Protein backbone atom coordinates (compact mmCIF):
# COMPACT_ATOMS: atom_id res chain seq x y z
CA MET A 1 166.75 132.92 50.96
CA LYS A 2 166.80 129.11 51.41
CA LYS A 3 164.53 129.42 54.46
CA LEU A 4 162.11 131.56 52.49
CA LEU A 5 162.08 129.07 49.60
CA LEU A 6 161.54 126.18 52.02
CA SER A 7 158.61 128.02 53.64
CA ILE A 8 157.00 128.62 50.24
CA ILE A 9 157.35 124.94 49.31
CA ILE A 10 155.85 123.80 52.64
CA PHE A 11 152.94 126.23 52.25
CA ALA A 12 152.30 125.05 48.69
CA LEU A 13 152.28 121.41 49.76
CA ALA A 14 149.92 122.19 52.63
CA ALA A 15 147.54 124.00 50.30
CA PHE A 16 147.64 121.08 47.86
CA ALA A 17 146.78 118.70 50.67
CA VAL A 18 143.47 120.43 51.45
CA GLY A 19 140.70 118.08 50.38
CA CYS A 20 143.03 115.12 50.12
CA SER A 21 144.42 112.70 52.68
CA SER A 22 145.67 109.15 52.88
CA ASP A 23 144.20 106.22 54.79
CA SER A 24 146.20 103.72 56.84
CA GLU A 25 146.96 101.70 53.70
CA GLY A 26 148.37 104.73 51.92
CA LYS A 27 145.44 105.15 49.51
CA GLU A 28 144.54 108.73 48.69
CA THR A 29 141.15 109.92 49.91
CA THR A 30 139.34 112.91 48.45
CA LYS A 31 137.21 114.82 50.94
CA VAL A 32 134.04 116.56 49.81
CA LYS A 33 131.93 118.89 51.95
CA LEU A 34 128.28 118.54 51.05
CA GLY A 35 125.61 120.86 52.43
CA ILE A 36 122.06 119.74 53.20
CA SER A 37 119.09 121.34 54.93
CA GLY A 38 117.53 119.50 57.85
CA THR A 39 118.57 116.37 59.71
CA ASP A 40 117.51 113.54 57.41
CA THR A 41 120.76 112.04 56.12
CA ARG A 42 119.54 108.58 55.10
CA ILE A 43 120.11 108.94 51.36
CA TRP A 44 123.48 110.60 51.72
CA ASP A 45 124.63 108.09 54.34
CA PHE A 46 123.86 105.37 51.77
CA ILE A 47 125.77 107.20 49.03
CA ALA A 48 128.67 108.09 51.33
CA GLU A 49 129.17 104.41 52.07
CA LYS A 50 129.47 103.68 48.34
CA ALA A 51 131.73 106.68 47.79
CA GLU A 52 134.07 105.64 50.59
CA LYS A 53 134.87 102.44 48.69
CA GLU A 54 136.12 104.63 45.83
CA GLY A 55 138.29 106.86 48.00
CA ILE A 56 135.76 109.68 48.38
CA GLU A 57 134.94 110.88 51.88
CA ILE A 58 131.68 112.85 52.03
CA GLU A 59 131.34 115.18 55.00
CA LEU A 60 127.74 116.26 55.51
CA VAL A 61 127.23 119.83 56.68
CA LYS A 62 123.72 120.40 58.03
CA PHE A 63 121.87 123.71 57.81
CA SER A 64 118.56 124.72 59.35
CA ASP A 65 117.50 127.07 56.56
CA TYR A 66 117.33 127.37 52.78
CA VAL A 67 119.68 130.34 52.38
CA ALA A 68 122.97 129.41 54.02
CA PRO A 69 123.63 126.23 51.96
CA ASN A 70 123.81 128.31 48.76
CA THR A 71 125.78 131.23 50.17
CA ALA A 72 128.22 128.82 51.85
CA LEU A 73 128.68 127.02 48.53
CA ALA A 74 129.27 130.28 46.66
CA GLU A 75 131.83 131.37 49.26
CA GLY A 76 133.78 128.12 49.01
CA GLU A 77 132.81 126.73 52.41
CA LEU A 78 131.17 123.77 50.69
CA ASP A 79 132.07 121.79 47.59
CA VAL A 80 128.50 120.90 46.71
CA ASN A 81 124.98 121.06 48.13
CA ALA A 82 121.78 119.04 47.75
CA PHE A 83 118.59 120.41 49.30
CA GLN A 84 116.59 122.47 46.80
CA THR A 85 114.22 122.34 43.86
CA VAL A 86 115.02 123.69 40.41
CA ALA A 87 112.47 126.50 40.85
CA TYR A 88 113.98 127.65 44.15
CA PHE A 89 117.54 127.39 42.83
CA ASP A 90 116.86 129.37 39.67
CA VAL A 91 115.23 132.24 41.56
CA PHE A 92 117.83 132.25 44.35
CA ILE A 93 120.94 132.44 42.15
CA LYS A 94 119.36 135.18 40.05
CA GLU A 95 118.35 137.29 43.06
CA HIS A 96 121.73 136.84 44.76
CA ASN A 97 123.86 136.90 41.58
CA LEU A 98 125.59 133.60 42.37
CA ASP A 99 127.59 131.61 39.84
CA LEU A 100 126.22 128.19 40.79
CA VAL A 101 125.03 125.38 38.53
CA PRO A 102 123.21 122.05 38.92
CA ILE A 103 125.19 118.91 38.11
CA ALA A 104 122.44 116.30 38.59
CA THR A 105 118.80 115.78 39.51
CA THR A 106 117.88 113.67 42.52
CA VAL A 107 114.33 113.24 43.81
CA LEU A 108 110.83 114.62 43.55
CA ALA A 109 108.68 115.09 46.66
CA PRO A 110 105.39 114.91 44.76
CA MET A 111 102.33 117.01 45.40
CA GLY A 112 99.16 115.00 44.99
CA ILE A 113 95.45 115.32 44.35
CA TYR A 114 93.64 113.49 47.15
CA SER A 115 89.98 112.57 47.54
CA ASP A 116 87.85 110.71 50.05
CA LYS A 117 85.07 110.38 47.50
CA TYR A 118 86.62 109.55 44.12
CA LYS A 119 89.21 107.08 42.84
CA ASP A 120 90.10 108.91 39.63
CA VAL A 121 90.31 112.56 38.65
CA LYS A 122 87.98 111.79 35.75
CA ASP A 123 85.25 110.96 38.25
CA ILE A 124 85.20 114.42 39.85
CA PRO A 125 81.83 115.90 38.81
CA ASP A 126 81.18 119.26 37.20
CA GLY A 127 80.76 122.07 39.70
CA ALA A 128 82.62 120.21 42.45
CA LYS A 129 84.66 121.94 45.13
CA ILE A 130 88.44 121.54 44.96
CA ALA A 131 90.62 122.76 47.82
CA LEU A 132 93.84 124.60 47.00
CA PRO A 133 96.62 125.80 49.33
CA ASN A 134 96.44 129.59 49.56
CA ASP A 135 100.17 130.39 49.60
CA ALA A 136 101.84 131.48 46.35
CA SER A 137 104.37 128.68 45.83
CA ASN A 138 102.00 125.84 46.67
CA GLN A 139 98.98 127.28 44.85
CA GLY A 140 100.88 127.78 41.60
CA ARG A 141 102.22 124.25 41.86
CA ALA A 142 98.72 122.91 42.58
CA LEU A 143 97.29 124.63 39.53
CA LEU A 144 100.02 123.19 37.31
CA LEU A 145 99.16 119.75 38.65
CA LEU A 146 95.46 120.26 37.89
CA GLN A 147 96.42 121.26 34.36
CA GLU A 148 98.65 118.20 33.99
CA ALA A 149 95.69 116.07 35.11
CA GLY A 150 93.61 117.60 32.31
CA LEU A 151 91.17 119.41 34.61
CA ILE A 152 91.96 123.09 33.90
CA GLY A 153 93.91 125.28 31.50
CA LEU A 154 96.56 127.88 32.27
CA PRO A 155 98.35 130.49 30.15
CA GLU A 156 101.53 129.33 28.40
CA ASP A 157 103.58 131.84 30.39
CA PHE A 158 102.05 130.80 33.72
CA ASP A 159 104.31 131.60 36.65
CA PRO A 160 104.86 128.65 39.03
CA ASN A 161 104.03 131.16 41.78
CA GLY A 162 100.80 132.15 40.05
CA ASN A 163 97.28 132.01 41.48
CA VAL A 164 93.78 130.81 40.73
CA LYS A 165 92.83 134.10 39.05
CA GLN A 166 95.07 133.07 36.14
CA VAL A 167 93.05 129.98 35.25
CA THR A 168 92.06 130.44 31.59
CA ASP A 169 89.99 127.30 31.11
CA ASN A 170 87.70 125.69 33.69
CA PRO A 171 85.50 123.41 31.55
CA HIS A 172 84.05 121.58 34.56
CA ASN A 173 83.16 124.78 36.43
CA PHE A 174 85.04 123.66 39.53
CA GLU A 175 84.74 125.85 42.60
CA PHE A 176 88.20 126.45 44.06
CA VAL A 177 88.35 126.72 47.84
CA GLU A 178 91.53 128.38 49.10
CA VAL A 179 92.75 127.22 52.51
CA VAL A 180 95.99 127.45 54.46
CA PRO A 181 98.29 124.57 53.44
CA ALA A 182 98.02 122.82 56.81
CA GLN A 183 94.25 122.59 56.36
CA THR A 184 94.32 120.88 52.97
CA PRO A 185 94.05 117.33 54.43
CA ARG A 186 91.47 118.35 57.02
CA VAL A 187 88.97 119.65 54.46
CA LEU A 188 88.85 116.35 52.54
CA PRO A 189 85.42 115.42 53.96
CA ASP A 190 83.99 118.74 52.73
CA VAL A 191 85.36 118.84 49.15
CA ALA A 192 85.55 116.58 46.12
CA ALA A 193 89.35 116.77 46.10
CA SER A 194 92.21 118.58 47.80
CA LEU A 195 95.71 119.35 46.58
CA ILE A 196 98.21 118.58 49.32
CA ASN A 197 101.96 119.11 49.29
CA ASN A 198 104.27 116.27 50.21
CA GLY A 199 105.31 117.30 53.71
CA ILE A 200 101.77 118.03 54.87
CA ALA A 201 100.51 114.81 53.30
CA GLN A 202 103.12 112.84 55.25
CA ASP A 203 102.10 114.55 58.49
CA ALA A 204 98.51 113.51 57.76
CA GLY A 205 99.54 109.90 57.15
CA LEU A 206 99.08 110.10 53.39
CA THR A 207 101.46 108.73 50.74
CA PRO A 208 101.24 110.07 47.17
CA LEU A 209 101.83 106.76 45.40
CA LYS A 210 99.28 104.92 47.54
CA ASP A 211 96.66 107.50 48.48
CA ALA A 212 96.63 110.24 45.82
CA ILE A 213 94.31 109.89 42.84
CA TYR A 214 96.88 111.82 40.80
CA TYR A 215 100.40 112.99 41.61
CA GLU A 216 103.37 114.75 40.06
CA GLY A 217 105.88 112.90 37.91
CA GLU A 218 109.14 113.84 36.20
CA THR A 219 107.31 116.36 34.01
CA ALA A 220 107.02 118.56 37.12
CA THR A 221 110.52 119.82 36.36
CA PRO A 222 110.44 123.00 38.50
CA TYR A 223 110.01 120.84 41.60
CA ILE A 224 112.71 118.23 41.01
CA ASN A 225 115.55 118.47 43.52
CA ILE A 226 119.14 118.92 42.39
CA ILE A 227 122.79 118.66 43.35
CA ALA A 228 124.53 122.02 42.83
CA THR A 229 128.08 123.30 42.80
CA ARG A 230 130.07 126.36 41.69
CA ALA A 231 130.20 126.83 37.92
CA GLU A 232 133.99 126.53 37.99
CA ASP A 233 133.67 123.03 39.46
CA LYS A 234 130.91 121.66 37.24
CA ASP A 235 133.35 119.30 35.49
CA ASN A 236 135.12 118.18 38.67
CA LYS A 237 135.52 114.41 38.34
CA THR A 238 134.92 113.68 42.01
CA LEU A 239 131.70 115.70 42.13
CA LYS A 240 130.50 114.13 38.90
CA ARG A 241 131.19 110.70 40.36
CA ILE A 242 129.12 111.54 43.44
CA ALA A 243 126.27 112.55 41.12
CA GLU A 244 126.64 109.24 39.29
CA LEU A 245 126.55 107.30 42.56
CA TYR A 246 123.31 109.08 43.44
CA GLN A 247 121.72 108.14 40.12
CA GLU A 248 122.61 104.44 40.26
CA GLU A 249 119.84 101.85 40.37
CA ASP A 250 120.65 100.70 43.90
CA THR A 251 120.27 104.26 45.20
CA ALA A 252 116.87 104.54 43.49
CA ALA A 253 115.81 101.23 45.04
CA PHE A 254 116.97 102.39 48.47
CA ILE A 255 114.97 105.64 48.20
CA GLU A 256 111.82 103.84 47.04
CA LYS A 257 112.00 101.38 49.93
CA GLU A 258 113.14 103.80 52.64
CA TYR A 259 110.64 106.55 51.85
CA ASP A 260 107.71 104.37 50.82
CA GLY A 261 106.65 106.59 47.94
CA ASN A 262 107.04 109.95 49.66
CA LEU A 263 110.15 110.62 47.57
CA ILE A 264 110.45 109.53 43.95
CA PRO A 265 113.93 109.05 42.41
CA THR A 266 113.88 111.39 39.40
CA PHE A 267 116.99 111.24 37.24
CA VAL A 268 116.59 113.38 34.14
CA PRO A 269 119.09 115.16 31.86
CA LEU A 270 119.98 118.71 32.90
CA ASP A 271 118.57 120.15 29.68
CA ASN A 272 115.17 118.82 30.81
CA ILE A 273 115.28 121.28 33.70
CA GLY A 274 116.47 124.21 31.59
CA TRP A 275 120.21 123.73 32.06
């Protein structure tokens, strides 16, 4: 009986120790597994260095897709993840019936309106050609950006994955030219303006803040990136502290300098993104 009791106590202590350890000075360290997609760890390396000073050890777990980071989080293999936009997250958890929640916003990789001919969207003449990406997610986003710029009108219930057929107001009689996303920079000489997503713009040597004549801001809430965790852990003090470290001014300054305008620190309340 004593052996059984001793085994139970040892097991309980071992279970309690998961996620916690002590450094050489005897200070307790809390370990957090954080999932990301891709290989760019610059922001999280910066935050991990700050977190380490507060006894939080962030272990980055890299994924090569946009599915596994959420399923791994739901299954308890991760404590938190940071790789996705609000729009993607909302659809994914609904389709897969996952009890995940955002705990903070992080950055926006802004789509921009680019032009070789005009310096301001107001200068684009009536009847001009405007190039749009022809895939659903990018085209809907492009149309929302055109509406935000005051160039077109869309229905109030416009789906972010909507298409050009849903334009309700085109006062300047623009001609929309649909092209594959990779072609959006290449058609710039042939159109008045082209809407180019962030990744493709970078590949073409374009930076939204420097080269776009109009680009997304924090009102583009569906496309802001988030930090997510399981609903049961949304009030976890360690995870909330990591979110706070991300949203500190020095992190914002680091992102602005390191990414030269290709990522915009976007720290807004969760109710601004529908949570």
